[in-house]
C-alpha atoms as a PDB file:
ATOM      1  CA  UNK A   1     349.911  67.439 138.050  1.00  0.00           C
ATOM      2  CA  UNK A   2     351.010  69.894 140.725  1.00  0.00           C
ATOM      3  CA  UNK A   3     349.841  68.940 144.196  1.00  0.00           C
ATOM      4  CA  UNK A   4     348.060  71.310 146.589  1.00  0.00           C
ATOM      5  CA  UNK A   5     351.024  71.027 148.994  1.00  0.00           C
ATOM      6  CA  UNK A   6     353.553  72.135 146.366  1.00  0.00           C
ATOM      7  CA  UNK A   7     351.274  74.911 145.186  1.00  0.00           C
ATOM      8  CA  UNK A   8     350.954  76.307 148.697  1.00  0.00           C
ATOM      9  CA  UNK A   9     354.739  76.141 149.142  1.00  0.00           C
ATOM     10  CA  UNK A  10     355.165  78.073 145.920  1.00  0.00           C
ATOM     11  CA  UNK A  11     352.866  80.854 147.158  1.00  0.00           C
ATOM     12  CA  UNK A  12     354.646  80.947 150.528  1.00  0.00           C
ATOM     13  CA  UNK A  13     358.005  81.344 148.789  1.00  0.00           C
ATOM     14  CA  UNK A  14     356.664  84.298 146.760  1.00  0.00           C
ATOM     15  CA  UNK A  15     355.021  86.551 149.394  1.00  0.00           C
ATOM     16  CA  UNK A  16     355.184  89.549 147.053  1.00  0.00           C
ATOM     17  CA  UNK A  17     353.110  87.765 144.409  1.00  0.00           C
ATOM     18  CA  UNK A  18     349.887  89.789 144.166  1.00  0.00           C
ATOM     19  CA  UNK A  19     347.711  87.394 142.152  1.00  0.00           C
ATOM     20  CA  UNK A  20     344.510  86.546 144.014  1.00  0.00           C
ATOM     21  CA  UNK A  21     343.173  84.970 140.803  1.00  0.00           C
ATOM     22  CA  UNK A  22     345.907  82.331 140.834  1.00  0.00           C
ATOM     23  CA  UNK A  23     344.285  78.972 141.540  1.00  0.00           C
ATOM     24  CA  UNK A  24     345.593  75.420 141.447  1.00  0.00           C
ATOM     25  CA  UNK A  25     342.942  74.288 138.967  1.00  0.00           C
ATOM     26  CA  UNK A  26     344.037  76.959 136.500  1.00  0.00           C
ATOM     27  CA  UNK A  27     347.699  76.077 136.880  1.00  0.00           C
ATOM     28  CA  UNK A  28     347.015  72.377 136.397  1.00  0.00           C
ATOM     29  CA  UNK A  29     344.905  73.036 133.302  1.00  0.00           C
ATOM     30  CA  UNK A  30     348.186  73.570 131.481  1.00  0.00           C
ATOM     31  CA  UNK A  31     348.816  69.832 131.556  1.00  0.00           C
ATOM     32  CA  UNK A  32     345.765  69.344 129.323  1.00  0.00           C
ATOM     33  CA  UNK A  33     347.752  70.895 126.474  1.00  0.00           C
ATOM     34  CA  UNK A  34     349.793  67.702 126.038  1.00  0.00           C
ATOM     35  CA  UNK A  35     346.728  65.598 125.298  1.00  0.00           C
ATOM     36  CA  UNK A  36     344.867  68.304 123.388  1.00  0.00           C
ATOM     37  CA  UNK A  37     347.748  69.063 121.024  1.00  0.00           C
ATOM     38  CA  UNK A  38     348.413  65.382 120.435  1.00  0.00           C
ATOM     39  CA  UNK A  39     344.779  64.742 119.521  1.00  0.00           C
ATOM     40  CA  UNK A  40     344.589  67.858 117.353  1.00  0.00           C
ATOM     41  CA  UNK A  41     347.746  66.878 115.485  1.00  0.00           C
ATOM     42  CA  UNK A  42     346.525  63.317 114.935  1.00  0.00           C
ATOM     43  CA  UNK A  43     343.187  64.584 113.639  1.00  0.00           C
ATOM     44  CA  UNK A  44     345.027  66.602 110.987  1.00  0.00           C
ATOM     45  CA  UNK A  45     347.815  64.185 110.063  1.00  0.00           C
ATOM     46  CA  UNK A  46     346.237  60.721 110.134  1.00  0.00           C
ATOM     47  CA  UNK A  47     344.075  61.401 107.099  1.00  0.00           C
ATOM     48  CA  UNK A  48     346.607  63.580 105.280  1.00  0.00           C
ATOM     49  CA  UNK A  49     349.406  60.992 105.487  1.00  0.00           C
ATOM     50  CA  UNK A  50     347.132  57.939 105.410  1.00  0.00           C
ATOM     51  CA  UNK A  51     348.741  56.300 102.353  1.00  0.00           C
ATOM     52  CA  UNK A  52     352.281  56.767 103.631  1.00  0.00           C
ATOM     53  CA  UNK A  53     351.493  55.446 107.102  1.00  0.00           C
ATOM     54  CA  UNK A  54     349.702  52.362 105.750  1.00  0.00           C
ATOM     55  CA  UNK A  55     352.719  51.629 103.542  1.00  0.00           C
ATOM     56  CA  UNK A  56     355.090  51.822 106.514  1.00  0.00           C
ATOM     57  CA  UNK A  57     352.766  49.759 108.695  1.00  0.00           C
ATOM     58  CA  UNK A  58     352.644  47.061 106.008  1.00  0.00           C
ATOM     59  CA  UNK A  59     356.442  46.986 105.887  1.00  0.00           C
ATOM     60  CA  UNK A  60     356.575  46.725 109.675  1.00  0.00           C
ATOM     61  CA  UNK A  61     354.048  43.882 109.650  1.00  0.00           C
ATOM     62  CA  UNK A  62     356.291  42.009 107.215  1.00  0.00           C
ATOM     63  CA  UNK A  63     359.336  42.444 109.462  1.00  0.00           C
ATOM     64  CA  UNK A  64     357.459  41.520 112.617  1.00  0.00           C
ATOM     65  CA  UNK A  65     355.877  38.441 111.032  1.00  0.00           C
ATOM     66  CA  UNK A  66     359.358  37.032 110.490  1.00  0.00           C
ATOM     67  CA  UNK A  67     360.364  38.085 114.012  1.00  0.00           C
ATOM     68  CA  UNK A  68     357.324  36.280 115.455  1.00  0.00           C
ATOM     69  CA  UNK A  69     358.192  33.162 113.437  1.00  0.00           C
ATOM     70  CA  UNK A  70     361.749  33.156 114.786  1.00  0.00           C
ATOM     71  CA  UNK A  71     360.487  33.612 118.357  1.00  0.00           C
ATOM     72  CA  UNK A  72     358.673  30.274 118.124  1.00  0.00           C
ATOM     73  CA  UNK A  73     361.818  28.400 117.172  1.00  0.00           C
ATOM     74  CA  UNK A  74     364.433  26.575 119.204  1.00  0.00           C
ATOM     75  CA  UNK A  75     366.740  29.317 120.477  1.00  0.00           C
ATOM     76  CA  UNK A  76     369.891  27.234 119.927  1.00  0.00           C
ATOM     77  CA  UNK A  77     369.426  26.304 116.264  1.00  0.00           C
ATOM     78  CA  UNK A  78     368.980  28.250 113.062  1.00  0.00           C
ATOM     79  CA  UNK A  79     366.159  27.747 110.619  1.00  0.00           C
ATOM     80  CA  UNK A  80     366.513  31.076 108.813  1.00  0.00           C
ATOM     81  CA  UNK A  81     370.214  31.870 109.050  1.00  0.00           C
ATOM     82  CA  UNK A  82     372.586  29.104 108.013  1.00  0.00           C
ATOM     83  CA  UNK A  83     373.676  26.718 110.761  1.00  0.00           C
ATOM     84  CA  UNK A  84     377.380  27.668 110.714  1.00  0.00           C
ATOM     85  CA  UNK A  85     376.729  31.424 110.861  1.00  0.00           C
ATOM     86  CA  UNK A  86     378.028  33.086 114.069  1.00  0.00           C
ATOM     87  CA  UNK A  87     374.628  34.664 114.818  1.00  0.00           C
ATOM     88  CA  UNK A  88     371.517  32.777 115.876  1.00  0.00           C
ATOM     89  CA  UNK A  89     368.056  33.388 114.487  1.00  0.00           C
ATOM     90  CA  UNK A  90     367.313  35.214 117.726  1.00  0.00           C
ATOM     91  CA  UNK A  91     369.961  37.799 116.804  1.00  0.00           C
ATOM     92  CA  UNK A  92     368.249  38.203 113.445  1.00  0.00           C
ATOM     93  CA  UNK A  93     364.945  38.771 115.241  1.00  0.00           C
ATOM     94  CA  UNK A  94     366.576  41.435 117.412  1.00  0.00           C
ATOM     95  CA  UNK A  95     368.040  43.243 114.405  1.00  0.00           C
ATOM     96  CA  UNK A  96     364.682  43.252 112.616  1.00  0.00           C
ATOM     97  CA  UNK A  97     362.849  44.365 115.759  1.00  0.00           C
ATOM     98  CA  UNK A  98     365.215  47.303 116.155  1.00  0.00           C
ATOM     99  CA  UNK A  99     364.592  48.334 112.544  1.00  0.00           C
ATOM    100  CA  UNK A 100     360.810  47.943 112.718  1.00  0.00           C
ATOM    101  CA  UNK A 101     360.513  49.790 116.043  1.00  0.00           C
ATOM    102  CA  UNK A 102     362.657  52.635 114.726  1.00  0.00           C
ATOM    103  CA  UNK A 103     360.438  52.948 111.648  1.00  0.00           C
ATOM    104  CA  UNK A 104     357.292  52.910 113.784  1.00  0.00           C
ATOM    105  CA  UNK A 105     358.706  55.535 116.124  1.00  0.00           C
ATOM    106  CA  UNK A 106     359.413  57.820 113.153  1.00  0.00           C
ATOM    107  CA  UNK A 107     355.913  57.755 111.714  1.00  0.00           C
ATOM    108  CA  UNK A 108     354.296  58.110 115.141  1.00  0.00           C
ATOM    109  CA  UNK A 109     356.477  61.136 115.911  1.00  0.00           C
ATOM    110  CA  UNK A 110     355.550  62.635 112.544  1.00  0.00           C
ATOM    111  CA  UNK A 111     351.845  62.154 113.206  1.00  0.00           C
ATOM    112  CA  UNK A 112     351.990  64.012 116.515  1.00  0.00           C
ATOM    113  CA  UNK A 113     354.139  66.791 115.093  1.00  0.00           C
ATOM    114  CA  UNK A 114     357.689  66.102 116.248  1.00  0.00           C
ATOM    115  CA  UNK A 115     359.492  66.131 112.905  1.00  0.00           C
ATOM    116  CA  UNK A 116     362.978  67.170 114.007  1.00  0.00           C
ATOM    117  CA  UNK A 117     362.968  64.392 116.587  1.00  0.00           C
ATOM    118  CA  UNK A 118     361.730  61.974 113.902  1.00  0.00           C
ATOM    119  CA  UNK A 119     364.604  63.107 111.680  1.00  0.00           C
ATOM    120  CA  UNK A 120     367.076  62.016 114.369  1.00  0.00           C
ATOM    121  CA  UNK A 121     365.632  58.501 114.175  1.00  0.00           C
ATOM    122  CA  UNK A 122     365.566  58.608 110.366  1.00  0.00           C
ATOM    123  CA  UNK A 123     369.355  58.986 110.452  1.00  0.00           C
ATOM    124  CA  UNK A 124     369.455  55.957 112.769  1.00  0.00           C
ATOM    125  CA  UNK A 125     367.201  53.935 110.460  1.00  0.00           C
ATOM    126  CA  UNK A 126     369.410  54.533 107.430  1.00  0.00           C
ATOM    127  CA  UNK A 127     372.452  53.361 109.350  1.00  0.00           C
ATOM    128  CA  UNK A 128     370.719  50.343 110.922  1.00  0.00           C
ATOM    129  CA  UNK A 129     369.464  48.971 107.602  1.00  0.00           C
ATOM    130  CA  UNK A 130     372.907  49.284 106.040  1.00  0.00           C
ATOM    131  CA  UNK A 131     374.611  47.715 109.053  1.00  0.00           C
ATOM    132  CA  UNK A 132     372.150  44.818 109.039  1.00  0.00           C
ATOM    133  CA  UNK A 133     372.906  43.970 105.419  1.00  0.00           C
ATOM    134  CA  UNK A 134     376.662  44.162 106.032  1.00  0.00           C
ATOM    135  CA  UNK A 135     376.520  41.965 109.149  1.00  0.00           C
ATOM    136  CA  UNK A 136     374.171  39.347 107.690  1.00  0.00           C
ATOM    137  CA  UNK A 137     376.456  38.898 104.696  1.00  0.00           C
ATOM    138  CA  UNK A 138     379.717  38.573 106.622  1.00  0.00           C
ATOM    139  CA  UNK A 139     380.156  36.041 109.409  1.00  0.00           C
ATOM    140  CA  UNK A 140     383.440  37.513 110.648  1.00  0.00           C
ATOM    141  CA  UNK A 141     381.947  40.981 110.961  1.00  0.00           C
ATOM    142  CA  UNK A 142     378.910  39.582 112.714  1.00  0.00           C
ATOM    143  CA  UNK A 143     381.090  37.711 115.193  1.00  0.00           C
ATOM    144  CA  UNK A 144     383.087  40.845 116.050  1.00  0.00           C
ATOM    145  CA  UNK A 145     379.874  42.837 116.414  1.00  0.00           C
ATOM    146  CA  UNK A 146     378.328  40.276 118.771  1.00  0.00           C
ATOM    147  CA  UNK A 147     381.465  40.041 120.913  1.00  0.00           C
ATOM    148  CA  UNK A 148     381.487  43.809 121.570  1.00  0.00           C
ATOM    149  CA  UNK A 149     379.113  43.812 124.519  1.00  0.00           C
ATOM    150  CA  UNK A 150     380.248  46.773 126.624  1.00  0.00           C
ATOM    151  CA  UNK A 151     380.515  50.448 125.721  1.00  0.00           C
ATOM    152  CA  UNK A 152     384.260  50.581 125.017  1.00  0.00           C
ATOM    153  CA  UNK A 153     384.295  47.422 122.917  1.00  0.00           C
ATOM    154  CA  UNK A 154     381.228  48.582 120.991  1.00  0.00           C
ATOM    155  CA  UNK A 155     382.950  51.850 120.091  1.00  0.00           C
ATOM    156  CA  UNK A 156     386.007  49.976 118.823  1.00  0.00           C
ATOM    157  CA  UNK A 157     383.891  47.489 116.879  1.00  0.00           C
ATOM    158  CA  UNK A 158     381.790  50.237 115.326  1.00  0.00           C
ATOM    159  CA  UNK A 159     384.892  52.070 114.178  1.00  0.00           C
ATOM    160  CA  UNK A 160     386.605  48.968 112.797  1.00  0.00           C
ATOM    161  CA  UNK A 161     383.518  47.499 111.119  1.00  0.00           C
ATOM    162  CA  UNK A 162     381.690  50.568 109.875  1.00  0.00           C
ATOM    163  CA  UNK A 163     383.404  53.941 110.319  1.00  0.00           C
ATOM    164  CA  UNK A 164     387.078  53.395 109.466  1.00  0.00           C
ATOM    165  CA  UNK A 165     387.781  54.527 105.899  1.00  0.00           C
ATOM    166  CA  UNK A 166     384.076  54.408 105.063  1.00  0.00           C
ATOM    167  CA  UNK A 167     384.056  50.636 105.466  1.00  0.00           C
ATOM    168  CA  UNK A 168     380.303  50.360 105.923  1.00  0.00           C
ATOM    169  CA  UNK A 169     379.644  52.110 102.621  1.00  0.00           C
ATOM    170  CA  UNK A 170     382.299  50.118 100.769  1.00  0.00           C
ATOM    171  CA  UNK A 171     381.108  46.766 102.115  1.00  0.00           C
ATOM    172  CA  UNK A 172     377.490  47.671 101.474  1.00  0.00           C
ATOM    173  CA  UNK A 173     378.260  48.639  97.885  1.00  0.00           C
ATOM    174  CA  UNK A 174     380.091  45.355  97.261  1.00  0.00           C
ATOM    175  CA  UNK A 175     377.125  43.379  98.625  1.00  0.00           C
ATOM    176  CA  UNK A 176     374.749  45.497  96.560  1.00  0.00           C
ATOM    177  CA  UNK A 177     376.674  44.773  93.348  1.00  0.00           C
ATOM    178  CA  UNK A 178     376.727  41.055  94.078  1.00  0.00           C
ATOM    179  CA  UNK A 179     373.096  40.659  95.112  1.00  0.00           C
ATOM    180  CA  UNK A 180     371.636  42.884  92.410  1.00  0.00           C
ATOM    181  CA  UNK A 181     374.088  41.962  89.626  1.00  0.00           C
ATOM    182  CA  UNK A 182     374.593  45.619  88.772  1.00  0.00           C
ATOM    183  CA  UNK A 183     377.633  47.829  88.718  1.00  0.00           C
ATOM    184  CA  UNK A 184     376.526  51.362  89.604  1.00  0.00           C
ATOM    185  CA  UNK A 185     378.841  54.321  89.980  1.00  0.00           C
ATOM    186  CA  UNK A 186     379.928  53.668  93.555  1.00  0.00           C
ATOM    187  CA  UNK A 187     381.319  57.158  94.119  1.00  0.00           C
ATOM    188  CA  UNK A 188     378.101  58.887  93.059  1.00  0.00           C
ATOM    189  CA  UNK A 189     375.922  56.442  94.981  1.00  0.00           C
ATOM    190  CA  UNK A 190     378.037  56.786  98.112  1.00  0.00           C
ATOM    191  CA  UNK A 191     377.957  60.570  97.842  1.00  0.00           C
ATOM    192  CA  UNK A 192     374.157  60.455  97.550  1.00  0.00           C
ATOM    193  CA  UNK A 193     373.760  58.186 100.580  1.00  0.00           C
ATOM    194  CA  UNK A 194     376.180  60.217 102.662  1.00  0.00           C
ATOM    195  CA  UNK A 195     374.342  63.396 101.694  1.00  0.00           C
ATOM    196  CA  UNK A 196     371.062  61.941 102.980  1.00  0.00           C
ATOM    197  CA  UNK A 197     372.733  60.863 106.212  1.00  0.00           C
ATOM    198  CA  UNK A 198     374.470  64.208 106.625  1.00  0.00           C
ATOM    199  CA  UNK A 199     371.188  66.089 106.142  1.00  0.00           C
ATOM    200  CA  UNK A 200     369.540  64.013 108.859  1.00  0.00           C
ATOM    201  CA  UNK A 201     372.650  64.353 111.029  1.00  0.00           C
ATOM    202  CA  UNK A 202     371.989  68.081 111.267  1.00  0.00           C
ATOM    203  CA  UNK A 203     369.074  67.233 113.557  1.00  0.00           C
ATOM    204  CA  UNK A 204     371.185  64.743 115.499  1.00  0.00           C
ATOM    205  CA  UNK A 205     373.921  67.284 116.208  1.00  0.00           C
ATOM    206  CA  UNK A 206     371.640  70.270 116.819  1.00  0.00           C
ATOM    207  CA  UNK A 207     372.624  72.408 113.852  1.00  0.00           C
ATOM    208  CA  UNK A 208     371.067  75.880 113.632  1.00  0.00           C
ATOM    209  CA  UNK A 209     368.609  75.091 110.817  1.00  0.00           C
ATOM    210  CA  UNK A 210     366.777  72.130 112.409  1.00  0.00           C
ATOM    211  CA  UNK A 211     366.849  73.768 115.837  1.00  0.00           C
ATOM    212  CA  UNK A 212     365.607  77.147 114.599  1.00  0.00           C
ATOM    213  CA  UNK A 213     363.470  76.407 111.542  1.00  0.00           C
ATOM    214  CA  UNK A 214     362.449  73.006 112.907  1.00  0.00           C
ATOM    215  CA  UNK A 215     360.890  74.668 115.917  1.00  0.00           C
ATOM    216  CA  UNK A 216     358.189  76.046 113.623  1.00  0.00           C
ATOM    217  CA  UNK A 217     355.674  74.156 111.520  1.00  0.00           C
ATOM    218  CA  UNK A 218     353.753  74.960 108.380  1.00  0.00           C
ATOM    219  CA  UNK A 219     350.614  73.098 107.483  1.00  0.00           C
ATOM    220  CA  UNK A 220     347.612  74.085 105.396  1.00  0.00           C
ATOM    221  CA  UNK A 221     347.722  77.432 103.560  1.00  0.00           C
ATOM    222  CA  UNK A 222     351.417  77.587 104.552  1.00  0.00           C
ATOM    223  CA  UNK A 223     350.422  78.910 107.957  1.00  0.00           C
ATOM    224  CA  UNK A 224     353.520  79.092 110.167  1.00  0.00           C
ATOM    225  CA  UNK A 225     353.303  78.501 113.896  1.00  0.00           C
ATOM    226  CA  UNK A 226     355.507  77.430 116.768  1.00  0.00           C
ATOM    227  CA  UNK A 227     355.700  73.671 117.103  1.00  0.00           C
ATOM    228  CA  UNK A 228     355.395  73.586 120.888  1.00  0.00           C
ATOM    229  CA  UNK A 229     353.658  70.457 122.186  1.00  0.00           C
ATOM    230  CA  UNK A 230     353.976  69.111 118.645  1.00  0.00           C
ATOM    231  CA  UNK A 231     352.327  70.562 115.557  1.00  0.00           C
ATOM    232  CA  UNK A 232     351.457  69.120 112.100  1.00  0.00           C
ATOM    233  CA  UNK A 233     353.969  69.994 109.410  1.00  0.00           C
ATOM    234  CA  UNK A 234     354.259  69.360 105.685  1.00  0.00           C
ATOM    235  CA  UNK A 235     357.887  68.287 106.149  1.00  0.00           C
ATOM    236  CA  UNK A 236     356.586  64.966 107.509  1.00  0.00           C
ATOM    237  CA  UNK A 237     356.006  63.984 103.899  1.00  0.00           C
ATOM    238  CA  UNK A 238     359.744  63.893 103.197  1.00  0.00           C
ATOM    239  CA  UNK A 239     360.455  61.798 106.275  1.00  0.00           C
ATOM    240  CA  UNK A 240     357.649  59.300 105.736  1.00  0.00           C
ATOM    241  CA  UNK A 241     358.565  58.729 102.097  1.00  0.00           C
ATOM    242  CA  UNK A 242     362.196  58.384 103.142  1.00  0.00           C
ATOM    243  CA  UNK A 243     361.274  55.618 105.596  1.00  0.00           C
ATOM    244  CA  UNK A 244     359.231  53.822 102.936  1.00  0.00           C
ATOM    245  CA  UNK A 245     362.167  53.893 100.529  1.00  0.00           C
ATOM    246  CA  UNK A 246     364.732  52.745 103.101  1.00  0.00           C
ATOM    247  CA  UNK A 247     362.595  49.761 104.143  1.00  0.00           C
ATOM    248  CA  UNK A 248     361.695  48.921 100.545  1.00  0.00           C
ATOM    249  CA  UNK A 249     365.339  48.743  99.518  1.00  0.00           C
ATOM    250  CA  UNK A 250     366.223  46.892 102.711  1.00  0.00           C
ATOM    251  CA  UNK A 251     363.720  44.178 101.779  1.00  0.00           C
ATOM    252  CA  UNK A 252     365.241  43.927  98.299  1.00  0.00           C
ATOM    253  CA  UNK A 253     368.701  43.202  99.716  1.00  0.00           C
ATOM    254  CA  UNK A 254     367.482  41.318 102.794  1.00  0.00           C
ATOM    255  CA  UNK A 255     365.449  38.692 100.935  1.00  0.00           C
ATOM    256  CA  UNK A 256     368.331  38.093  98.543  1.00  0.00           C
ATOM    257  CA  UNK A 257     370.700  37.819 101.513  1.00  0.00           C
ATOM    258  CA  UNK A 258     368.564  35.119 103.115  1.00  0.00           C
ATOM    259  CA  UNK A 259     368.324  33.243  99.831  1.00  0.00           C
ATOM    260  CA  UNK A 260     371.873  33.604  98.492  1.00  0.00           C
ATOM    261  CA  UNK A 261     373.976  33.816 101.664  1.00  0.00           C
ATOM    262  CA  UNK A 262     371.928  31.593 103.972  1.00  0.00           C
ATOM    263  CA  UNK A 263     370.094  29.322 101.531  1.00  0.00           C
ATOM    264  CA  UNK A 264     366.736  30.008 103.186  1.00  0.00           C
ATOM    265  CA  UNK A 265     363.578  28.735 101.529  1.00  0.00           C
ATOM    266  CA  UNK A 266     360.511  29.795 103.512  1.00  0.00           C
ATOM    267  CA  UNK A 267     357.718  27.281 104.031  1.00  0.00           C
ATOM    268  CA  UNK A 268     354.552  29.222 103.340  1.00  0.00           C
ATOM    269  CA  UNK A 269     352.447  26.579 105.009  1.00  0.00           C
ATOM    270  CA  UNK A 270     353.451  28.399 108.175  1.00  0.00           C
ATOM    271  CA  UNK A 271     351.025  31.276 108.772  1.00  0.00           C
ATOM    272  CA  UNK A 272     353.715  33.663 110.029  1.00  0.00           C
ATOM    273  CA  UNK A 273     355.944  33.057 107.016  1.00  0.00           C
ATOM    274  CA  UNK A 274     352.933  33.446 104.757  1.00  0.00           C
ATOM    275  CA  UNK A 275     352.242  36.734 106.541  1.00  0.00           C
ATOM    276  CA  UNK A 276     355.835  37.801 105.933  1.00  0.00           C
ATOM    277  CA  UNK A 277     355.406  37.198 102.202  1.00  0.00           C
ATOM    278  CA  UNK A 278     351.917  38.720 101.912  1.00  0.00           C
ATOM    279  CA  UNK A 279     352.883  41.894 103.751  1.00  0.00           C
ATOM    280  CA  UNK A 280     356.231  42.168 101.987  1.00  0.00           C
ATOM    281  CA  UNK A 281     354.653  41.747  98.530  1.00  0.00           C
ATOM    282  CA  UNK A 282     351.883  44.218  99.355  1.00  0.00           C
ATOM    283  CA  UNK A 283     354.359  46.754 100.710  1.00  0.00           C
ATOM    284  CA  UNK A 284     356.330  46.475  97.474  1.00  0.00           C
ATOM    285  CA  UNK A 285     353.218  47.239  95.425  1.00  0.00           C
ATOM    286  CA  UNK A 286     352.264  50.119  97.722  1.00  0.00           C
ATOM    287  CA  UNK A 287     355.744  51.549  97.196  1.00  0.00           C
ATOM    288  CA  UNK A 288     355.261  51.361  93.418  1.00  0.00           C
ATOM    289  CA  UNK A 289     351.899  53.123  93.698  1.00  0.00           C
ATOM    290  CA  UNK A 290     353.354  55.918  95.817  1.00  0.00           C
ATOM    291  CA  UNK A 291     356.203  56.351  93.347  1.00  0.00           C
ATOM    292  CA  UNK A 292     353.722  56.601  90.462  1.00  0.00           C
ATOM    293  CA  UNK A 293     351.730  59.193  92.374  1.00  0.00           C
ATOM    294  CA  UNK A 294     354.850  61.264  93.100  1.00  0.00           C
ATOM    295  CA  UNK A 295     355.838  61.152  89.403  1.00  0.00           C
ATOM    296  CA  UNK A 296     352.356  62.254  88.345  1.00  0.00           C
ATOM    297  CA  UNK A 297     352.339  65.182  90.773  1.00  0.00           C
END
């Protein structure tokens, strides 16, 4: 809020301003727009995207149940990752927290009408889930990643581990073939994944389409309006379903990674591990239901 002192200074600095109707209360009423537009957007979007948001929340609950379990453990030993792996369970918890918080940030931005900004994080989510699978399946890569603690070393590590000659995609595809026992067309699959990342990267790099078109929203009856202060938009549907798919497939590879690479067998007598399984199973079924609905429509 603008203080009375600053308001008076403003008027003193503009002696030619002939606006006797200008009052501090009216000027400060503009700040109400932030809250009003947020509430208006939520009123519209929460019900419209209810199924998608519940699916993402269930996925996040699964991730965070495992994180909470790890947080209770001895920080120096591993009960989820294998004992001789370079990373500790606490590193696993950090990786999962980063993924779950990114997913939550995306759906919350969508609900309050900031889709282009959510798209920036969607690009991050795709990369984080792929990186996590690569690192958790390769001790040497994980060790190099953990050792790169400052900015310069992190840039070098990122290039060597993920960017150089499309290493992240190649390593991810090899893990995918091994864990799923399938042999898909790697070139087509890589092209598809890169296309999704490139589309989201347009928002990251401020391309003309997301900056120009993304500054407008269309909602019911295809009404177009400026998206200032955030505004509901049908394009949230693409983002939310994209998040659901990315997390669903991450769980497919992640659970197999823990079982095959780390030999983990969860004890479901533990409430947090039971929560991990209940939420993960439910999220899987919710994903199937959403897919069936999309096929029908």
